[in-house]
Amino acid sequence: MRKFYLVMAIFLAALNLRPIITSVAPLLETLQSELGISGLTASLLTTLPVLCMGFFAPAATALSDRFGLERTIFIALCLITGASALRGIVSSVMILVATALAGGIGVSLAGPLLSGFVKKYFPTRPGVVSIYSASMIVGAGLASALAIPVYQSSRHSLALTLSCWAIFGVIALFVWAAFLRNGQAGKEGRARTHLPVRNRSALLLTLFFGMMACMFYSVTAWISPMAHSFGYDPAASAMLLTVFTLVQIPISLTVPALVARFGNRRFFLVMCSVFELIGVTLLLLRLPMLPAVICLGIGAGGLFPLALMLPIVETNTSEEAGAWSAMSQCGGYIIGAMGPLLIGTIHDYSGSFMPALIVMLVITAVMIGVQLLITGEKKAVVDVKPAADFS
């Protein structure tokens, strides 16, 4: 199968991993007012998928052993697409919560297995993971940025606004169906793949993923309220979150390719974390927020694809890569989901974002220490080719 088709399959699958979450966030207040639901119920629509991404990630390896790597990803895309389409019945609160659960399970399955897919078809080109990470960011950004415009242009139709993202899934399913027709699925061995719970490197990777996700979700949730508390108007506060997201796209494409070409994972991991340290420090000093947000975006944009790449370069088979990814994402997303809650609790008790920023500074410093331990466990993989060569 041509490499371009494989890359397109990765791009389209990853494009579907975030809209079911990010398309809801800008509409939470509208959902509350139109459907008469509580803030707790509304928050479930965004937090439930993230928790599912953690709790159900280990199931990805078991299903892959049973049905095959490609077929399991196809099933996951069916869950995500079906959940998005069902949101056309937006008048039912139960449907909204059920689709958040189903979509989250689909994301939890597809996420780790896409790393295994990269390992299987691009064993010497781990930089291809940049396509995966960048596509996720693009999907998240499109759904978040266009949710309000689609709502307004559709004459305030919540049903259309929340369900229109299923079109991404339909396109992805059409492409991924070729794997089924060509008999690519179901050929993996039946031996059970175990999570590497006793592997020190895998445990360190899980801890790193958790702290990386903790920082990402904390910034995503609180950068706009933080800007507002610093005296920025609502429009400027929202713009800073957009900048944080947009900066990540070129960085997520560039950093994995550089690592694949030069092989110095430690340098790029620490460099991206240092950018986050600089960003948090600028916020602590109450300096203009735009440079701080750009630094945070550079750090987040580089760390996420590197967290996806590490299971690929540290393992020998697609099954192992999927198992490492499943464990790191299981623990990582659960830890990451606690980040915004921690920052919010500290802010509530202190009445200021300064103590919360100090905690974020400590988390980033500890993350650097974990990165040094991870990259000290095993020498960088050699003889890898850059992601740009798909021939």
Protein backbone atom coordinates (compact mmCIF):
# COMPACT_ATOMS: atom_id res chain seq x y z
CA MET A 1 0.00 0.00 0.00
CA ARG A 2 1.40 3.39 -0.97
CA LYS A 3 2.91 5.47 1.80
CA PHE A 4 0.82 8.50 0.88
CA TYR A 5 -2.37 6.53 1.47
CA LEU A 6 -1.07 5.39 4.85
CA VAL A 7 -0.21 8.95 5.84
CA MET A 8 -3.66 10.12 4.72
CA ALA A 9 -5.24 7.38 6.84
CA ILE A 10 -3.28 8.55 9.89
CA PHE A 11 -4.20 12.19 9.24
CA LEU A 12 -7.93 11.51 8.84
CA ALA A 13 -8.13 9.20 11.84
CA ALA A 14 -6.34 11.68 14.11
CA LEU A 15 -8.51 14.52 12.82
CA ASN A 16 -11.46 12.84 14.56
CA LEU A 17 -9.90 12.47 18.00
CA ARG A 18 -10.76 15.91 19.44
CA PRO A 19 -13.81 17.59 17.80
CA ILE A 20 -16.26 15.60 19.94
CA ILE A 21 -14.69 17.37 22.95
CA THR A 22 -13.66 20.78 21.69
CA SER A 23 -16.86 21.49 19.73
CA VAL A 24 -18.80 21.43 23.01
CA ALA A 25 -16.61 23.71 25.11
CA PRO A 26 -17.57 27.03 23.43
CA LEU A 27 -21.27 26.11 23.67
CA LEU A 28 -21.48 25.07 27.33
CA GLU A 29 -23.35 28.18 28.48
CA THR A 30 -25.71 27.90 25.49
CA LEU A 31 -26.38 24.24 26.29
CA GLN A 32 -27.14 25.11 29.89
CA SER A 33 -29.60 27.84 28.98
CA GLU A 34 -31.35 26.03 26.12
CA LEU A 35 -31.56 22.58 27.71
CA GLY A 36 -31.86 23.65 31.33
CA ILE A 37 -28.98 21.45 32.50
CA SER A 38 -26.73 22.06 35.48
CA GLY A 39 -23.12 23.14 35.27
CA LEU A 40 -22.06 19.68 36.49
CA THR A 41 -23.95 17.93 33.69
CA ALA A 42 -22.60 20.37 31.12
CA SER A 43 -19.04 19.84 32.32
CA LEU A 44 -19.45 16.07 31.89
CA LEU A 45 -19.64 16.62 28.14
CA THR A 46 -15.99 17.70 28.12
CA THR A 47 -14.49 15.91 31.13
CA LEU A 48 -16.09 12.49 30.51
CA PRO A 49 -14.33 11.90 27.16
CA VAL A 50 -10.96 12.87 28.69
CA LEU A 51 -11.46 10.44 31.58
CA CYS A 52 -12.51 7.73 29.10
CA MET A 53 -9.28 8.37 27.17
CA GLY A 54 -7.48 7.30 30.33
CA PHE A 55 -9.63 4.54 31.80
CA PHE A 56 -10.39 2.68 28.54
CA ALA A 57 -6.96 2.99 26.86
CA PRO A 58 -5.80 -0.45 28.14
CA ALA A 59 -8.73 -2.06 26.31
CA ALA A 60 -7.11 -1.01 23.02
CA THR A 61 -4.44 -3.70 23.24
CA ALA A 62 -6.93 -6.44 24.12
CA LEU A 63 -9.22 -5.53 21.22
CA SER A 64 -6.28 -5.24 18.86
CA ASP A 65 -5.18 -8.76 19.84
CA ARG A 66 -8.69 -10.01 19.18
CA PHE A 67 -9.69 -8.15 16.00
CA GLY A 68 -6.43 -6.82 14.57
CA LEU A 69 -4.85 -3.38 14.65
CA GLU A 70 -6.57 -1.83 11.63
CA ARG A 71 -9.98 -3.29 12.35
CA THR A 72 -9.90 -2.02 15.93
CA ILE A 73 -9.06 1.51 14.74
CA PHE A 74 -11.95 1.21 12.27
CA ILE A 75 -14.28 0.21 15.13
CA ALA A 76 -13.03 3.18 17.18
CA LEU A 77 -13.75 5.55 14.29
CA CYS A 78 -17.24 4.06 14.01
CA LEU A 79 -17.86 4.86 17.69
CA ILE A 80 -16.62 8.44 17.31
CA THR A 81 -18.55 9.06 14.09
CA GLY A 82 -21.74 7.48 15.42
CA ALA A 83 -21.53 9.48 18.65
CA SER A 84 -21.06 12.73 16.73
CA ALA A 85 -23.96 11.96 14.39
CA LEU A 86 -26.27 11.11 17.30
CA ARG A 87 -25.75 14.57 18.70
CA GLY A 88 -28.22 15.69 16.08
CA ILE A 89 -30.79 14.60 18.70
CA VAL A 90 -29.56 17.36 20.98
CA SER A 91 -32.88 17.78 22.78
CA SER A 92 -32.06 14.70 24.86
CA VAL A 93 -29.58 15.35 27.66
CA MET A 94 -29.14 11.60 28.07
CA ILE A 95 -28.05 11.32 24.42
CA LEU A 96 -25.47 14.06 24.91
CA VAL A 97 -23.95 12.32 27.93
CA ALA A 98 -24.10 8.90 26.25
CA THR A 99 -22.35 10.23 23.14
CA ALA A 100 -19.67 11.83 25.30
CA LEU A 101 -19.06 8.39 26.81
CA ALA A 102 -19.14 6.52 23.49
CA GLY A 103 -16.97 9.08 21.73
CA GLY A 104 -14.48 9.06 24.60
CA ILE A 105 -14.21 5.27 24.40
CA GLY A 106 -13.61 5.52 20.65
CA VAL A 107 -10.86 8.08 21.19
CA SER A 108 -9.30 5.93 23.94
CA LEU A 109 -9.03 3.02 21.49
CA ALA A 110 -7.81 4.90 18.43
CA GLY A 111 -5.25 7.05 20.23
CA PRO A 112 -2.79 4.35 21.40
CA LEU A 113 -3.32 2.13 18.36
CA LEU A 114 -2.38 4.88 15.92
CA SER A 115 1.07 4.81 17.52
CA GLY A 116 1.14 1.08 16.85
CA PHE A 117 0.04 1.77 13.28
CA VAL A 118 2.96 4.17 12.78
CA LYS A 119 5.33 1.59 14.25
CA LYS A 120 3.97 -1.12 11.94
CA TYR A 121 4.05 0.76 8.63
CA PHE A 122 6.84 3.29 9.32
CA PRO A 123 9.26 1.37 11.59
CA THR A 124 12.24 3.51 10.55
CA ARG A 125 10.34 6.81 10.28
CA PRO A 126 8.98 7.65 13.76
CA GLY A 127 8.80 11.29 12.66
CA VAL A 128 5.57 10.38 10.89
CA VAL A 129 3.96 10.77 14.31
CA SER A 130 4.07 14.51 13.58
CA ILE A 131 1.22 13.97 11.11
CA TYR A 132 -0.76 12.29 13.89
CA SER A 133 -0.18 15.03 16.47
CA ALA A 134 -0.64 17.95 14.08
CA SER A 135 -3.88 16.50 12.74
CA MET A 136 -5.23 16.18 16.28
CA ILE A 137 -4.44 19.83 16.94
CA VAL A 138 -6.02 20.91 13.64
CA GLY A 139 -9.18 18.95 14.43
CA ALA A 140 -9.36 20.41 17.92
CA GLY A 141 -8.75 23.93 16.66
CA LEU A 142 -11.30 23.73 13.84
CA ALA A 143 -14.05 22.41 16.09
CA SER A 144 -13.34 24.96 18.80
CA ALA A 145 -12.96 27.96 16.47
CA LEU A 146 -15.92 27.15 14.21
CA ALA A 147 -18.45 26.02 16.83
CA ILE A 148 -19.87 29.49 17.42
CA PRO A 149 -19.86 30.56 13.73
CA VAL A 150 -21.60 27.32 12.72
CA TYR A 151 -24.14 27.82 15.52
CA GLN A 152 -24.88 31.36 14.39
CA SER A 153 -25.02 30.59 10.66
CA SER A 154 -27.31 27.59 11.24
CA ARG A 155 -29.92 29.81 12.88
CA HIS A 156 -28.88 28.69 16.36
CA SER A 157 -29.24 24.97 15.68
CA LEU A 158 -27.41 23.09 18.41
CA ALA A 159 -28.24 19.81 16.70
CA LEU A 160 -26.43 20.75 13.50
CA THR A 161 -23.55 22.44 15.30
CA LEU A 162 -22.77 19.42 17.47
CA SER A 163 -23.32 16.74 14.83
CA CYS A 164 -21.71 18.29 11.73
CA TRP A 165 -18.26 17.03 12.80
CA ALA A 166 -19.37 13.51 11.92
CA ILE A 167 -18.43 14.36 8.31
CA PHE A 168 -14.76 14.00 9.33
CA GLY A 169 -15.55 10.51 10.57
CA VAL A 170 -17.43 9.50 7.44
CA ILE A 171 -14.45 10.48 5.28
CA ALA A 172 -12.04 8.64 7.58
CA LEU A 173 -14.17 5.49 7.57
CA PHE A 174 -14.25 5.49 3.78
CA VAL A 175 -10.43 5.56 3.70
CA TRP A 176 -9.96 3.03 6.49
CA ALA A 177 -12.42 0.60 4.89
CA ALA A 178 -9.69 -0.15 2.34
CA PHE A 179 -7.71 -1.92 5.06
CA LEU A 180 -10.63 -4.26 5.62
CA ARG A 181 -11.23 -4.91 1.92
CA ASN A 182 -7.56 -5.59 1.30
CA GLY A 183 -7.39 -8.05 4.14
CA GLN A 184 -4.98 -5.94 6.17
CA ALA A 185 -6.92 -6.46 9.40
CA GLY A 186 -7.08 -9.45 11.65
CA LYS A 187 -3.66 -10.85 10.76
CA GLU A 188 -1.94 -10.10 14.04
CA GLY A 189 -0.99 -12.98 16.28
CA ARG A 190 -3.45 -14.11 18.89
CA ALA A 191 -0.92 -13.96 21.73
CA ARG A 192 -2.13 -11.60 24.42
CA THR A 193 -0.28 -8.29 24.67
CA HIS A 194 0.34 -7.16 28.25
CA LEU A 195 0.80 -3.61 29.47
CA PRO A 196 4.43 -2.98 30.49
CA VAL A 197 3.55 -2.26 34.12
CA ARG A 198 6.91 -3.57 35.38
CA ASN A 199 9.03 -1.74 32.84
CA ARG A 200 10.78 1.25 34.40
CA SER A 201 11.01 3.18 31.15
CA ALA A 202 7.31 2.68 30.43
CA LEU A 203 6.40 3.84 33.95
CA LEU A 204 8.56 6.94 33.55
CA LEU A 205 6.94 7.61 30.18
CA THR A 206 3.50 7.36 31.80
CA LEU A 207 4.54 9.86 34.46
CA PHE A 208 5.92 12.21 31.81
CA PHE A 209 2.74 11.92 29.72
CA GLY A 210 0.67 12.72 32.81
CA MET A 211 2.62 15.86 33.68
CA MET A 212 2.66 16.96 30.05
CA ALA A 213 -1.14 16.51 29.85
CA CYS A 214 -1.59 18.19 33.22
CA MET A 215 0.17 21.31 31.95
CA PHE A 216 -1.66 21.25 28.61
CA TYR A 217 -5.16 20.94 30.05
CA SER A 218 -4.42 23.44 32.82
CA VAL A 219 -3.30 26.07 30.32
CA THR A 220 -6.21 25.28 28.00
CA ALA A 221 -8.76 25.59 30.81
CA TRP A 222 -7.35 28.56 32.70
CA ILE A 223 -5.35 30.81 30.36
CA SER A 224 -8.41 32.86 29.39
CA PRO A 225 -9.69 33.31 32.98
CA MET A 226 -6.13 34.12 34.01
CA ALA A 227 -5.89 36.79 31.32
CA HIS A 228 -9.21 38.24 32.44
CA SER A 229 -7.95 38.43 36.04
CA PHE A 230 -4.83 40.22 34.76
CA GLY A 231 -7.01 42.95 33.24
CA TYR A 232 -7.51 41.71 29.66
CA ASP A 233 -10.95 42.09 28.11
CA PRO A 234 -12.94 38.96 27.14
CA ALA A 235 -12.04 39.21 23.43
CA ALA A 236 -8.32 39.47 24.15
CA SER A 237 -8.54 36.65 26.68
CA ALA A 238 -10.15 34.35 24.11
CA MET A 239 -7.58 35.41 21.51
CA LEU A 240 -4.75 34.23 23.77
CA LEU A 241 -6.24 30.72 23.88
CA THR A 242 -6.47 30.75 20.07
CA VAL A 243 -2.80 31.77 19.84
CA PHE A 244 -1.86 28.96 22.23
CA THR A 245 -3.59 26.47 19.93
CA LEU A 246 -2.34 27.85 16.61
CA VAL A 247 1.32 27.98 17.69
CA GLN A 248 1.24 24.25 18.37
CA ILE A 249 0.45 23.25 14.77
CA PRO A 250 3.79 24.12 13.07
CA ILE A 251 5.74 23.05 16.16
CA SER A 252 4.06 19.64 16.29
CA LEU A 253 5.00 19.09 12.65
CA THR A 254 8.58 20.28 13.01
CA VAL A 255 9.89 18.82 16.28
CA PRO A 256 9.27 15.09 15.58
CA ALA A 257 10.89 15.44 12.15
CA LEU A 258 13.95 17.06 13.75
CA VAL A 259 14.16 14.30 16.35
CA ALA A 260 13.81 11.65 13.66
CA ARG A 261 16.61 13.26 11.67
CA PHE A 262 19.08 14.07 14.46
CA GLY A 263 18.06 11.52 17.10
CA ASN A 264 18.69 13.75 20.16
CA ARG A 265 15.41 13.20 21.99
CA ARG A 266 16.74 14.49 25.32
CA PHE A 267 17.65 17.90 23.90
CA PHE A 268 14.26 18.48 22.27
CA LEU A 269 12.28 17.18 25.26
CA VAL A 270 14.13 19.45 27.67
CA MET A 271 14.07 22.40 25.26
CA CYS A 272 10.27 22.21 24.92
CA SER A 273 9.90 21.98 28.70
CA VAL A 274 12.18 24.99 29.14
CA PHE A 275 9.85 26.96 26.86
CA GLU A 276 7.01 26.05 29.24
CA LEU A 277 9.14 27.14 32.19
CA ILE A 278 9.79 30.47 30.50
CA GLY A 279 6.09 30.90 29.72
CA VAL A 280 5.01 30.24 33.31
CA THR A 281 7.77 32.50 34.64
CA LEU A 282 6.61 35.36 32.39
CA LEU A 283 3.10 34.92 33.78
CA LEU A 284 4.43 34.98 37.34
CA LEU A 285 6.23 38.25 36.59
CA ARG A 286 2.95 39.72 35.25
CA LEU A 287 4.61 40.66 31.98
CA PRO A 288 2.56 40.97 28.75
CA MET A 289 0.86 37.63 28.22
CA LEU A 290 1.33 37.16 24.47
CA PRO A 291 5.04 36.14 24.68
CA ALA A 292 4.18 33.85 27.60
CA VAL A 293 1.37 32.16 25.67
CA ILE A 294 3.61 31.73 22.60
CA CYS A 295 6.27 30.04 24.77
CA LEU A 296 3.64 27.78 26.33
CA GLY A 297 2.32 26.91 22.87
CA ILE A 298 5.82 26.04 21.63
CA GLY A 299 6.37 23.81 24.64
CA ALA A 300 3.02 22.06 24.40
CA GLY A 301 3.27 21.73 20.61
CA GLY A 302 6.59 19.94 20.91
CA LEU A 303 6.00 17.82 24.01
CA PHE A 304 2.78 16.16 22.85
CA PRO A 305 4.15 14.60 19.63
CA LEU A 306 7.32 13.60 21.47
CA ALA A 307 5.17 11.82 24.08
CA LEU A 308 3.50 9.98 21.20
CA MET A 309 6.84 9.22 19.53
CA LEU A 310 8.61 7.74 22.58
CA PRO A 311 6.61 4.47 22.66
CA ILE A 312 7.40 4.01 18.98
CA VAL A 313 11.16 4.48 19.25
CA GLU A 314 11.49 2.60 22.54
CA THR A 315 9.79 -0.60 21.31
CA ASN A 316 10.43 -3.25 18.69
CA THR A 317 6.97 -4.20 17.37
CA SER A 318 3.63 -2.51 16.65
CA GLU A 319 2.05 -4.58 19.46
CA GLU A 320 4.60 -3.33 21.97
CA ALA A 321 4.22 0.26 20.76
CA GLY A 322 0.45 0.00 21.17
CA ALA A 323 0.81 -1.43 24.68
CA TRP A 324 3.27 1.28 25.76
CA SER A 325 1.02 3.96 24.28
CA ALA A 326 -2.06 2.47 25.97
CA MET A 327 -0.40 2.49 29.39
CA SER A 328 1.10 5.95 29.04
CA GLN A 329 -2.20 7.41 27.84
CA CYS A 330 -4.20 5.54 30.48
CA GLY A 331 -2.24 6.99 33.38
CA GLY A 332 -1.37 10.18 31.54
CA TYR A 333 -4.88 11.33 30.70
CA ILE A 334 -6.16 10.49 34.18
CA ILE A 335 -3.39 12.61 35.69
CA GLY A 336 -3.92 15.29 33.05
CA ALA A 337 -7.65 15.53 33.77
CA MET A 338 -6.78 16.42 37.36
CA GLY A 339 -4.67 19.40 36.29
CA PRO A 340 -7.45 21.96 35.72
CA LEU A 341 -9.14 20.81 38.92
CA LEU A 342 -5.93 21.32 40.89
CA ILE A 343 -5.37 24.80 39.45
CA GLY A 344 -9.00 25.77 40.09
CA THR A 345 -8.88 24.54 43.68
CA ILE A 346 -5.67 26.44 44.42
CA HIS A 347 -7.15 29.58 42.89
CA ASP A 348 -10.34 29.22 44.93
CA TYR A 349 -8.44 28.90 48.21
CA SER A 350 -5.85 31.58 47.51
CA GLY A 351 -7.93 34.04 45.51
CA SER A 352 -5.03 34.46 43.10
CA PHE A 353 -3.42 32.63 40.20
CA MET A 354 0.10 33.22 41.56
CA PRO A 355 0.22 30.11 43.82
CA ALA A 356 -1.25 28.03 40.97
CA LEU A 357 1.47 29.28 38.63
CA ILE A 358 4.13 28.31 41.16
CA VAL A 359 2.66 24.79 41.22
CA MET A 360 2.77 24.70 37.41
CA LEU A 361 6.42 25.79 37.58
CA VAL A 362 7.19 22.91 39.95
CA ILE A 363 5.34 20.40 37.74
CA THR A 364 7.38 21.50 34.72
CA ALA A 365 10.66 21.28 36.64
CA VAL A 366 9.83 17.76 37.84
CA MET A 367 8.85 16.84 34.27
CA ILE A 368 12.32 17.81 33.08
CA GLY A 369 13.82 15.48 35.67
CA VAL A 370 11.62 12.63 34.44
CA GLN A 371 12.61 13.36 30.84
CA LEU A 372 16.28 13.09 31.75
CA LEU A 373 15.61 9.72 33.38
CA ILE A 374 13.65 8.46 30.36
CA THR A 375 16.30 9.42 27.84
CA GLY A 376 19.01 8.01 30.09
CA GLU A 377 17.35 4.59 30.06
CA LYS A 378 18.20 3.72 26.47
CA LYS A 379 20.23 5.22 23.67
CA ALA A 380 18.35 6.96 20.92
CA VAL A 381 17.25 4.76 18.07
CA VAL A 382 19.55 5.12 15.09
CA ASP A 383 19.05 4.82 11.36
CA VAL A 384 15.72 6.58 11.35
CA LYS A 385 14.56 8.55 8.38
CA PRO A 386 12.78 11.90 8.46
CA ALA A 387 9.03 12.03 8.21
CA ALA A 388 9.08 13.92 4.94
CA ASP A 389 10.17 10.91 2.89
CA PHE A 390 6.99 8.94 2.11
CA SER A 391 8.17 7.27 -1.04
